[in-house]
Amino acid sequence: MKTQVSVKHIVIDFIYLKNQLKDLFKDKKEYQPIIDFLCDKDYLDDELDLPFPKLKDVEEATGLKSYTLRKLWVKFKSWGLCKKLR
């Protein structure tokens, strides 16, 4: 049975790993708009009290369509985490 990936959880994972993502995907231009968006604000700063971004927020900020974003998020997570663990 195939496990369904939640885009919301991928976004949250990436927020926690944003510094590593910059290094890991520095040569992948297709991911730069997403990485730039995630690094633009400090969602983990308790004093700022920023809510985690929704897919719609990422779509508006990057100009990418939701279908494209979902596809990139899933590819981003599977490629990045598998590559990093080896």
Protein backbone atom coordinates (compact mmCIF):
# COMPACT_ATOMS: atom_id res chain seq x y z
CA MET A 1 0.00 0.00 0.00
CA LYS A 2 1.38 3.37 -1.01
CA THR A 3 1.54 6.03 1.71
CA GLN A 4 0.11 9.38 0.71
CA VAL A 5 2.38 12.35 1.31
CA SER A 6 0.85 15.40 2.94
CA VAL A 7 2.11 18.61 1.35
CA LYS A 8 1.46 20.40 4.63
CA HIS A 9 3.86 18.06 6.44
CA ILE A 10 6.46 18.43 3.71
CA VAL A 11 6.32 22.23 4.09
CA ILE A 12 6.75 21.95 7.86
CA ASP A 13 9.63 19.47 7.47
CA PHE A 14 11.34 21.82 5.04
CA ILE A 15 10.95 24.80 7.37
CA TYR A 16 12.88 22.88 10.02
CA LEU A 17 15.54 21.85 7.48
CA LYS A 18 15.76 25.05 5.45
CA ASN A 19 19.49 25.65 5.98
CA GLN A 20 20.34 22.12 4.87
CA LEU A 21 18.03 22.50 1.88
CA LYS A 22 19.97 25.54 0.69
CA ASP A 23 23.16 23.49 0.57
CA LEU A 24 21.60 20.30 -0.72
CA PHE A 25 19.74 21.93 -3.62
CA LYS A 26 22.04 24.83 -4.46
CA ASP A 27 22.46 23.56 -8.04
CA LYS A 28 18.76 22.77 -8.60
CA LYS A 29 17.26 25.93 -10.10
CA GLU A 30 13.72 24.54 -10.20
CA TYR A 31 13.69 24.45 -6.39
CA GLN A 32 15.07 27.91 -5.75
CA PRO A 33 11.72 29.74 -5.61
CA ILE A 34 10.50 27.33 -2.93
CA ILE A 35 13.73 27.48 -0.93
CA ASP A 36 13.80 31.28 -1.14
CA PHE A 37 10.19 31.43 0.06
CA LEU A 38 10.87 29.14 3.03
CA CYS A 39 14.01 31.04 4.01
CA ASP A 40 12.44 34.47 3.65
CA LYS A 41 10.70 34.37 7.04
CA ASP A 42 11.61 32.75 10.34
CA TYR A 43 8.54 30.61 10.95
CA LEU A 44 10.16 29.01 13.98
CA ASP A 45 10.68 32.26 15.89
CA ASP A 46 8.17 32.16 18.75
CA GLU A 47 8.26 35.94 19.15
CA LEU A 48 7.11 36.50 15.55
CA ASP A 49 4.29 33.97 15.97
CA LEU A 50 4.03 33.32 12.23
CA PRO A 51 1.73 30.52 11.10
CA PHE A 52 3.23 27.87 8.84
CA PRO A 53 2.56 28.74 5.20
CA LYS A 54 -0.16 26.97 3.27
CA LEU A 55 0.25 25.65 -0.24
CA LYS A 56 -1.76 28.63 -1.49
CA ASP A 57 0.76 31.01 0.14
CA VAL A 58 3.65 29.27 -1.58
CA GLU A 59 1.77 29.28 -4.88
CA GLU A 60 1.13 33.03 -4.70
CA ALA A 61 4.67 33.89 -3.61
CA THR A 62 6.47 31.72 -6.16
CA GLY A 63 4.10 32.03 -9.11
CA LEU A 64 4.04 28.25 -9.49
CA LYS A 65 0.73 26.44 -10.00
CA SER A 66 -0.49 24.15 -7.22
CA TYR A 67 -0.11 21.01 -9.37
CA THR A 68 3.50 21.93 -10.15
CA LEU A 69 4.19 22.72 -6.50
CA ARG A 70 2.77 19.41 -5.30
CA LYS A 71 4.86 17.54 -7.86
CA LEU A 72 8.00 19.47 -6.89
CA TRP A 73 7.36 19.08 -3.14
CA VAL A 74 7.05 15.31 -3.41
CA LYS A 75 10.08 15.04 -5.70
CA PHE A 76 12.00 17.48 -3.50
CA LYS A 77 11.35 15.48 -0.35
CA SER A 78 11.96 12.02 -1.75
CA TRP A 79 15.10 12.98 -3.68
CA GLY A 80 16.54 15.19 -1.00
CA LEU A 81 16.04 13.00 2.01
CA CYS A 82 17.05 9.77 0.25
CA LYS A 83 20.15 11.41 -1.19
CA LYS A 84 21.10 12.93 2.18
CA LEU A 85 20.83 9.60 4.04
CA ARG A 86 23.26 7.77 1.72
